[in-house]
N, C-alpha and C. Protein backbone atom coordinates (compact mmCIF):
# COMPACT_ATOMS: atom_id res chain seq x y z
N MET A 1 -15.46 23.78 -55.79
CA MET A 1 -14.79 22.63 -56.37
C MET A 1 -13.98 21.92 -55.30
N VAL A 2 -14.13 20.63 -55.21
CA VAL A 2 -13.41 19.84 -54.22
C VAL A 2 -12.18 19.23 -54.87
N ARG A 3 -11.05 19.39 -54.22
CA ARG A 3 -9.82 18.76 -54.68
C ARG A 3 -9.37 17.81 -53.60
N ARG A 4 -9.19 16.56 -53.96
CA ARG A 4 -8.77 15.58 -52.98
C ARG A 4 -7.25 15.58 -52.86
N ILE A 5 -6.78 15.43 -51.63
CA ILE A 5 -5.35 15.34 -51.37
C ILE A 5 -5.08 13.92 -50.90
N LYS A 6 -4.12 13.29 -51.49
CA LYS A 6 -3.72 11.95 -51.08
C LYS A 6 -2.36 12.06 -50.43
N THR A 7 -2.27 11.75 -49.16
CA THR A 7 -1.00 11.89 -48.46
C THR A 7 -0.26 10.58 -48.35
N ASP A 8 -0.96 9.48 -48.49
CA ASP A 8 -0.34 8.17 -48.41
C ASP A 8 0.13 7.76 -49.79
N LYS A 9 1.43 7.69 -49.99
CA LYS A 9 1.99 7.41 -51.31
C LYS A 9 2.12 5.92 -51.59
N LYS A 10 1.76 5.05 -50.62
CA LYS A 10 1.87 3.61 -50.82
C LYS A 10 0.88 3.14 -51.89
N LEU A 11 1.22 2.03 -52.53
CA LEU A 11 0.32 1.42 -53.49
C LEU A 11 -0.98 1.05 -52.78
N ARG A 12 -2.10 1.41 -53.37
CA ARG A 12 -3.39 1.19 -52.73
C ARG A 12 -3.96 -0.16 -53.16
N LEU A 13 -3.44 -1.23 -52.57
CA LEU A 13 -3.86 -2.57 -52.92
C LEU A 13 -5.32 -2.83 -52.58
N HIS A 14 -5.86 -2.10 -51.60
CA HIS A 14 -7.24 -2.33 -51.19
C HIS A 14 -8.21 -2.13 -52.34
N GLU A 15 -7.87 -1.27 -53.30
CA GLU A 15 -8.77 -1.04 -54.42
C GLU A 15 -8.88 -2.28 -55.30
N ALA A 16 -7.79 -2.99 -55.48
CA ALA A 16 -7.80 -4.17 -56.33
C ALA A 16 -8.53 -5.33 -55.66
N TYR A 17 -8.49 -5.40 -54.37
CA TYR A 17 -9.07 -6.52 -53.65
C TYR A 17 -10.39 -6.18 -52.97
N ASN A 18 -10.93 -5.02 -53.20
CA ASN A 18 -12.18 -4.58 -52.59
C ASN A 18 -12.14 -4.61 -51.07
N VAL A 19 -10.98 -4.35 -50.51
CA VAL A 19 -10.83 -4.27 -49.06
C VAL A 19 -11.00 -2.81 -48.67
N PRO A 20 -11.95 -2.52 -47.79
CA PRO A 20 -12.16 -1.12 -47.40
C PRO A 20 -11.05 -0.62 -46.49
N CYS A 21 -11.06 0.68 -46.30
CA CYS A 21 -10.10 1.34 -45.40
C CYS A 21 -10.86 2.05 -44.29
N GLU A 22 -10.15 2.33 -43.24
CA GLU A 22 -10.67 3.17 -42.17
C GLU A 22 -9.62 4.22 -41.88
N GLY A 23 -10.01 5.25 -41.18
CA GLY A 23 -9.07 6.31 -40.88
C GLY A 23 -9.78 7.61 -40.59
N ILE A 24 -9.05 8.70 -40.74
CA ILE A 24 -9.60 10.01 -40.41
C ILE A 24 -9.52 10.94 -41.61
N PHE A 25 -10.29 12.01 -41.53
CA PHE A 25 -10.29 12.99 -42.61
C PHE A 25 -10.71 14.35 -42.09
N TRP A 26 -10.37 15.36 -42.88
CA TRP A 26 -10.82 16.74 -42.68
C TRP A 26 -11.35 17.25 -44.01
N PHE A 27 -12.19 18.25 -43.94
CA PHE A 27 -12.59 19.00 -45.11
C PHE A 27 -12.08 20.42 -44.86
N ILE A 28 -10.97 20.77 -45.53
CA ILE A 28 -10.27 22.01 -45.24
C ILE A 28 -10.26 22.91 -46.47
N LYS A 29 -10.89 24.05 -46.35
CA LYS A 29 -10.90 25.04 -47.44
C LYS A 29 -11.20 24.37 -48.78
N GLU A 30 -12.26 23.61 -48.81
CA GLU A 30 -12.75 22.90 -49.99
C GLU A 30 -11.82 21.79 -50.47
N GLU A 31 -10.93 21.33 -49.63
CA GLU A 31 -10.06 20.20 -49.93
C GLU A 31 -10.41 19.05 -48.99
N PHE A 32 -10.50 17.85 -49.53
CA PHE A 32 -10.73 16.67 -48.72
C PHE A 32 -9.36 16.07 -48.40
N VAL A 33 -9.00 16.09 -47.13
CA VAL A 33 -7.70 15.61 -46.68
C VAL A 33 -7.94 14.31 -45.90
N ALA A 34 -7.52 13.18 -46.49
CA ALA A 34 -7.85 11.88 -45.92
C ALA A 34 -6.59 11.07 -45.62
N TYR A 35 -6.68 10.25 -44.59
CA TYR A 35 -5.62 9.35 -44.19
C TYR A 35 -6.21 7.95 -44.01
N PRO A 36 -6.47 7.25 -45.13
CA PRO A 36 -7.06 5.91 -45.05
C PRO A 36 -5.99 4.84 -44.80
N GLU A 37 -6.38 3.82 -44.04
CA GLU A 37 -5.54 2.66 -43.79
C GLU A 37 -6.36 1.41 -44.05
N GLN A 38 -5.75 0.44 -44.70
CA GLN A 38 -6.47 -0.79 -45.03
C GLN A 38 -6.94 -1.50 -43.77
N VAL A 39 -8.14 -2.06 -43.84
CA VAL A 39 -8.74 -2.74 -42.70
C VAL A 39 -8.07 -4.08 -42.47
N ASP A 40 -7.91 -4.42 -41.21
CA ASP A 40 -7.41 -5.73 -40.81
C ASP A 40 -8.53 -6.74 -41.05
N SER A 41 -8.26 -7.78 -41.79
CA SER A 41 -9.30 -8.74 -42.15
C SER A 41 -9.76 -9.60 -40.98
N MET A 42 -9.13 -9.46 -39.82
CA MET A 42 -9.54 -10.23 -38.65
C MET A 42 -10.66 -9.55 -37.88
N GLY A 43 -11.11 -8.41 -38.36
CA GLY A 43 -12.23 -7.75 -37.71
C GLY A 43 -11.84 -6.85 -36.56
N ILE A 44 -10.55 -6.53 -36.47
CA ILE A 44 -10.05 -5.69 -35.39
C ILE A 44 -9.91 -4.26 -35.88
N TRP A 45 -10.39 -3.31 -35.06
CA TRP A 45 -10.21 -1.90 -35.40
C TRP A 45 -8.71 -1.64 -35.41
N SER A 46 -8.17 -1.43 -36.60
CA SER A 46 -6.73 -1.45 -36.74
C SER A 46 -6.07 -0.07 -36.81
N THR A 47 -6.81 0.97 -37.09
CA THR A 47 -6.17 2.27 -37.24
C THR A 47 -5.87 2.89 -35.88
N THR A 48 -4.71 3.49 -35.80
CA THR A 48 -4.31 4.18 -34.57
C THR A 48 -4.25 5.68 -34.79
N LEU A 49 -4.73 6.12 -35.94
CA LEU A 49 -4.70 7.55 -36.26
C LEU A 49 -5.62 8.34 -35.34
N GLU A 50 -5.14 9.48 -34.91
CA GLU A 50 -5.93 10.39 -34.09
C GLU A 50 -5.80 11.78 -34.69
N HIS A 51 -6.91 12.50 -34.80
CA HIS A 51 -6.88 13.85 -35.35
C HIS A 51 -5.89 14.74 -34.61
N ILE A 52 -5.95 14.72 -33.30
CA ILE A 52 -5.14 15.64 -32.51
C ILE A 52 -3.64 15.39 -32.71
N LYS A 53 -3.24 14.12 -32.84
CA LYS A 53 -1.82 13.81 -33.02
C LYS A 53 -1.36 14.08 -34.45
N LEU A 54 -2.15 13.71 -35.42
CA LEU A 54 -1.78 13.93 -36.81
C LEU A 54 -1.75 15.42 -37.14
N TRP A 55 -2.66 16.18 -36.54
CA TRP A 55 -2.72 17.62 -36.79
C TRP A 55 -1.39 18.30 -36.47
N GLU A 56 -0.68 17.81 -35.47
CA GLU A 56 0.61 18.39 -35.11
C GLU A 56 1.59 18.36 -36.28
N HIS A 57 1.44 17.41 -37.17
CA HIS A 57 2.36 17.25 -38.31
C HIS A 57 1.92 18.03 -39.55
N ILE A 58 0.65 18.42 -39.61
CA ILE A 58 0.16 19.07 -40.84
C ILE A 58 -0.39 20.48 -40.61
N LYS A 59 -0.51 20.90 -39.37
CA LYS A 59 -1.18 22.16 -39.05
C LYS A 59 -0.58 23.39 -39.73
N ASP A 60 0.72 23.36 -39.98
CA ASP A 60 1.37 24.52 -40.62
C ASP A 60 0.91 24.71 -42.06
N ASN A 61 0.33 23.69 -42.64
CA ASN A 61 -0.17 23.77 -44.03
C ASN A 61 -1.57 24.37 -44.13
N TYR A 62 -2.25 24.55 -43.00
CA TYR A 62 -3.65 24.97 -43.02
C TYR A 62 -3.90 26.14 -42.06
N LEU A 63 -3.20 27.22 -42.29
CA LEU A 63 -3.34 28.40 -41.45
C LEU A 63 -4.62 29.15 -41.77
N VAL A 64 -5.14 29.84 -40.79
CA VAL A 64 -6.31 30.70 -40.97
C VAL A 64 -5.88 32.11 -40.60
N ASN A 65 -5.92 33.01 -41.58
CA ASN A 65 -5.44 34.38 -41.38
C ASN A 65 -4.02 34.40 -40.83
N GLY A 66 -3.19 33.48 -41.34
CA GLY A 66 -1.80 33.41 -40.93
C GLY A 66 -1.55 32.76 -39.59
N GLU A 67 -2.59 32.27 -38.95
CA GLU A 67 -2.45 31.68 -37.61
C GLU A 67 -2.72 30.18 -37.64
N ILE A 68 -2.04 29.45 -36.77
CA ILE A 68 -2.30 28.02 -36.57
C ILE A 68 -3.61 27.87 -35.79
N VAL A 69 -4.43 26.92 -36.22
CA VAL A 69 -5.70 26.65 -35.54
C VAL A 69 -5.67 25.25 -34.93
N ASN A 70 -6.61 24.99 -34.04
CA ASN A 70 -6.71 23.68 -33.40
C ASN A 70 -7.15 22.61 -34.39
N TYR A 71 -6.90 21.37 -34.04
CA TYR A 71 -7.24 20.23 -34.89
C TYR A 71 -8.75 20.13 -35.18
N ASP A 72 -9.56 20.67 -34.31
CA ASP A 72 -11.01 20.58 -34.49
C ASP A 72 -11.62 21.86 -35.07
N TYR A 73 -10.80 22.71 -35.63
CA TYR A 73 -11.30 23.95 -36.23
C TYR A 73 -12.09 23.65 -37.51
N PHE A 74 -11.55 22.78 -38.36
CA PHE A 74 -12.18 22.44 -39.63
C PHE A 74 -13.10 21.23 -39.46
N PRO A 75 -14.11 21.11 -40.31
CA PRO A 75 -14.97 19.91 -40.26
C PRO A 75 -14.13 18.66 -40.48
N ARG A 76 -14.46 17.61 -39.75
CA ARG A 76 -13.66 16.40 -39.79
C ARG A 76 -14.52 15.17 -39.54
N GLY A 77 -13.88 14.04 -39.62
CA GLY A 77 -14.60 12.81 -39.35
C GLY A 77 -13.69 11.61 -39.31
N ARG A 78 -14.31 10.47 -39.14
CA ARG A 78 -13.59 9.20 -39.01
C ARG A 78 -14.43 8.11 -39.66
N VAL A 79 -13.74 7.17 -40.27
CA VAL A 79 -14.38 5.97 -40.80
C VAL A 79 -13.86 4.78 -40.00
N VAL A 80 -14.79 4.00 -39.47
CA VAL A 80 -14.46 2.77 -38.75
C VAL A 80 -15.09 1.62 -39.51
N VAL A 81 -14.33 0.58 -39.76
CA VAL A 81 -14.83 -0.57 -40.51
C VAL A 81 -14.60 -1.83 -39.69
N ASN A 82 -15.63 -2.64 -39.58
CA ASN A 82 -15.52 -3.93 -38.91
C ASN A 82 -15.67 -5.04 -39.93
N ALA A 83 -14.74 -5.99 -39.90
CA ALA A 83 -14.87 -7.19 -40.73
C ALA A 83 -15.74 -8.17 -39.95
N ILE A 84 -16.82 -8.59 -40.54
CA ILE A 84 -17.73 -9.54 -39.88
C ILE A 84 -17.34 -10.95 -40.32
N VAL A 85 -16.89 -11.73 -39.36
CA VAL A 85 -16.43 -13.08 -39.62
C VAL A 85 -17.43 -14.07 -39.02
N LYS A 86 -17.87 -15.01 -39.86
CA LYS A 86 -18.81 -16.05 -39.40
C LYS A 86 -18.18 -17.41 -39.68
N ASP A 87 -18.10 -18.23 -38.65
CA ASP A 87 -17.51 -19.57 -38.78
C ASP A 87 -16.11 -19.52 -39.38
N GLY A 88 -15.33 -18.51 -38.99
CA GLY A 88 -13.97 -18.38 -39.45
C GLY A 88 -13.80 -17.85 -40.86
N ILE A 89 -14.89 -17.44 -41.49
CA ILE A 89 -14.84 -16.94 -42.86
C ILE A 89 -15.36 -15.50 -42.89
N LEU A 90 -14.65 -14.66 -43.62
CA LEU A 90 -15.09 -13.27 -43.76
C LEU A 90 -16.45 -13.24 -44.46
N SER A 91 -17.43 -12.68 -43.80
CA SER A 91 -18.78 -12.59 -44.36
C SER A 91 -18.97 -11.29 -45.13
N HIS A 92 -18.69 -10.18 -44.44
CA HIS A 92 -18.85 -8.86 -45.05
C HIS A 92 -18.23 -7.81 -44.14
N TYR A 93 -18.28 -6.57 -44.60
CA TYR A 93 -17.76 -5.45 -43.82
C TYR A 93 -18.90 -4.51 -43.44
N GLU A 94 -18.80 -3.95 -42.24
CA GLU A 94 -19.72 -2.92 -41.79
C GLU A 94 -18.92 -1.64 -41.56
N ALA A 95 -19.46 -0.53 -42.03
CA ALA A 95 -18.76 0.75 -41.90
C ALA A 95 -19.58 1.74 -41.08
N TYR A 96 -18.89 2.55 -40.33
CA TYR A 96 -19.47 3.62 -39.52
C TYR A 96 -18.75 4.90 -39.91
N ILE A 97 -19.50 5.90 -40.35
CA ILE A 97 -18.92 7.17 -40.76
C ILE A 97 -19.32 8.23 -39.74
N TYR A 98 -18.35 8.69 -38.99
CA TYR A 98 -18.57 9.77 -38.02
C TYR A 98 -18.13 11.05 -38.71
N ILE A 99 -19.04 12.01 -38.80
CA ILE A 99 -18.80 13.17 -39.65
C ILE A 99 -19.48 14.40 -39.07
N ASP A 100 -18.82 15.52 -39.18
CA ASP A 100 -19.39 16.80 -38.76
C ASP A 100 -20.66 17.07 -39.57
N LYS A 101 -21.70 17.55 -38.91
CA LYS A 101 -22.99 17.72 -39.59
C LYS A 101 -22.94 18.72 -40.74
N CYS A 102 -22.02 19.67 -40.70
CA CYS A 102 -21.99 20.69 -41.76
C CYS A 102 -21.43 20.15 -43.08
N ILE A 103 -20.80 18.98 -43.05
CA ILE A 103 -20.32 18.38 -44.30
C ILE A 103 -21.01 17.05 -44.58
N ASN A 104 -22.03 16.74 -43.81
CA ASN A 104 -22.77 15.48 -43.99
C ASN A 104 -23.78 15.66 -45.12
N ASN A 105 -23.31 15.44 -46.35
CA ASN A 105 -24.18 15.56 -47.52
C ASN A 105 -23.76 14.52 -48.54
N ASP A 106 -24.57 14.32 -49.56
CA ASP A 106 -24.31 13.27 -50.54
C ASP A 106 -22.97 13.42 -51.25
N ASP A 107 -22.60 14.65 -51.61
CA ASP A 107 -21.33 14.86 -52.32
C ASP A 107 -20.14 14.45 -51.47
N THR A 108 -20.12 14.89 -50.21
CA THR A 108 -19.02 14.53 -49.32
C THR A 108 -19.01 13.04 -49.03
N LEU A 109 -20.18 12.46 -48.82
CA LEU A 109 -20.25 11.02 -48.55
C LEU A 109 -19.76 10.20 -49.74
N ASP A 110 -20.03 10.67 -50.95
CA ASP A 110 -19.51 9.98 -52.14
C ASP A 110 -17.99 10.00 -52.16
N ILE A 111 -17.40 11.14 -51.80
CA ILE A 111 -15.94 11.26 -51.75
C ILE A 111 -15.38 10.31 -50.68
N ILE A 112 -16.01 10.28 -49.52
CA ILE A 112 -15.56 9.40 -48.44
C ILE A 112 -15.65 7.94 -48.87
N LYS A 113 -16.77 7.56 -49.46
CA LYS A 113 -16.94 6.17 -49.91
C LYS A 113 -15.87 5.79 -50.93
N GLN A 114 -15.55 6.71 -51.81
CA GLN A 114 -14.52 6.43 -52.81
C GLN A 114 -13.13 6.35 -52.18
N GLU A 115 -12.78 7.34 -51.38
CA GLU A 115 -11.43 7.40 -50.80
C GLU A 115 -11.17 6.24 -49.84
N PHE A 116 -12.20 5.79 -49.13
CA PHE A 116 -12.04 4.70 -48.16
C PHE A 116 -12.54 3.37 -48.71
N ASN A 117 -12.89 3.34 -49.99
CA ASN A 117 -13.31 2.12 -50.68
C ASN A 117 -14.45 1.40 -49.94
N LEU A 118 -15.52 2.13 -49.68
CA LEU A 118 -16.63 1.61 -48.88
C LEU A 118 -17.79 1.08 -49.71
N PHE A 119 -17.63 0.94 -51.00
CA PHE A 119 -18.75 0.58 -51.86
C PHE A 119 -19.32 -0.81 -51.58
N ASN A 120 -18.51 -1.71 -51.05
CA ASN A 120 -18.98 -3.06 -50.74
C ASN A 120 -19.23 -3.25 -49.24
N CYS A 121 -19.41 -2.17 -48.54
CA CYS A 121 -19.67 -2.22 -47.09
C CYS A 121 -21.14 -2.00 -46.80
N ASP A 122 -21.59 -2.60 -45.73
CA ASP A 122 -22.90 -2.30 -45.18
C ASP A 122 -22.69 -1.10 -44.25
N ILE A 123 -23.13 0.07 -44.67
CA ILE A 123 -22.92 1.28 -43.86
C ILE A 123 -24.00 1.34 -42.79
N LYS A 124 -23.55 1.18 -41.55
CA LYS A 124 -24.45 1.07 -40.41
C LYS A 124 -24.79 2.41 -39.78
N TYR A 125 -23.90 3.38 -39.90
CA TYR A 125 -24.15 4.67 -39.23
C TYR A 125 -23.44 5.78 -39.99
N ILE A 126 -24.14 6.90 -40.13
CA ILE A 126 -23.55 8.14 -40.64
C ILE A 126 -24.06 9.26 -39.75
N GLY A 127 -23.17 9.96 -39.08
CA GLY A 127 -23.60 11.05 -38.22
C GLY A 127 -22.47 11.63 -37.40
N SER A 128 -22.81 12.62 -36.60
CA SER A 128 -21.80 13.35 -35.83
C SER A 128 -21.64 12.86 -34.41
N GLU A 129 -22.53 12.00 -33.95
CA GLU A 129 -22.44 11.53 -32.58
C GLU A 129 -21.49 10.34 -32.50
N GLY A 130 -20.32 10.61 -32.03
CA GLY A 130 -19.33 9.55 -31.91
C GLY A 130 -18.15 10.06 -31.13
N GLY A 131 -17.33 9.16 -30.72
CA GLY A 131 -16.16 9.58 -29.98
C GLY A 131 -16.46 9.78 -28.51
N ILE A 132 -15.76 10.69 -27.91
CA ILE A 132 -15.80 10.88 -26.47
C ILE A 132 -17.10 11.54 -26.02
N THR A 133 -17.60 12.49 -26.77
CA THR A 133 -18.82 13.21 -26.41
C THR A 133 -19.80 13.21 -27.57
N LEU A 134 -21.03 13.59 -27.33
CA LEU A 134 -22.04 13.62 -28.38
C LEU A 134 -21.71 14.61 -29.49
N ASP A 135 -20.96 15.66 -29.15
CA ASP A 135 -20.61 16.66 -30.15
C ASP A 135 -19.14 16.57 -30.55
N HIS A 136 -18.57 15.40 -30.46
CA HIS A 136 -17.14 15.22 -30.72
C HIS A 136 -16.74 15.70 -32.11
N TYR A 137 -17.51 15.38 -33.13
CA TYR A 137 -17.19 15.78 -34.50
C TYR A 137 -17.95 17.06 -34.84
N THR A 138 -17.47 18.16 -34.27
CA THR A 138 -18.10 19.46 -34.44
C THR A 138 -17.01 20.51 -34.67
N CYS A 139 -17.10 21.21 -35.79
CA CYS A 139 -16.10 22.22 -36.12
C CYS A 139 -16.42 23.55 -35.42
N HIS A 140 -15.56 24.53 -35.64
CA HIS A 140 -15.74 25.83 -34.98
C HIS A 140 -17.06 26.51 -35.39
N ASN A 141 -17.47 26.37 -36.64
CA ASN A 141 -18.72 26.98 -37.08
C ASN A 141 -19.94 26.33 -36.45
N CYS A 142 -19.93 25.03 -36.32
CA CYS A 142 -21.07 24.30 -35.75
C CYS A 142 -21.19 24.48 -34.24
N ARG A 143 -20.11 24.88 -33.60
CA ARG A 143 -20.15 25.11 -32.14
C ARG A 143 -20.75 26.46 -31.78
N LYS A 144 -20.92 27.34 -32.77
CA LYS A 144 -21.44 28.69 -32.48
C LYS A 144 -22.87 28.63 -32.05
C-alpha cells in the first residue's frame, strides 16, 4: 500500500489552474515523498531543489536498521517541466520524468502525474538516464 506524504503545506493553486509542478521525490518504504514546486510560466526551469541538500533535512526520518543512509539509498527521481511559449503565448507544457528503474511502473507514474499535476503535459521522457551520469537515478538495490 502506498501512502503519499505531502510536506508542502502551502495552498496548491496549481491544481485549480492546471499549472504543473516540477521537483524531486523519493519512494521510501512504500511511501511516496514528494517536493513539488509550481512551474514558472516563462519556461524557465525554476526548481532549485536537490536530493543531496534536501536529504540533510529529512534523513533522520528514514533510518535503515537504526542508521542514517545516503540520499541515493532509496529509489528517487525528478520531474522537470518546460513551458513552451510561441509568439509570446503559452502553448503547452512538456514534462521529463527522471526515475529509478525499479520504481518505473504504471502505478508509480500515476502517483507522480497526480502529485506534480502532469495530466495536461506532453510527457517527453520517462527513464533513469538523467543528471550527471547515465546511472544518476539508481538506488542501492539497482547498483548491485
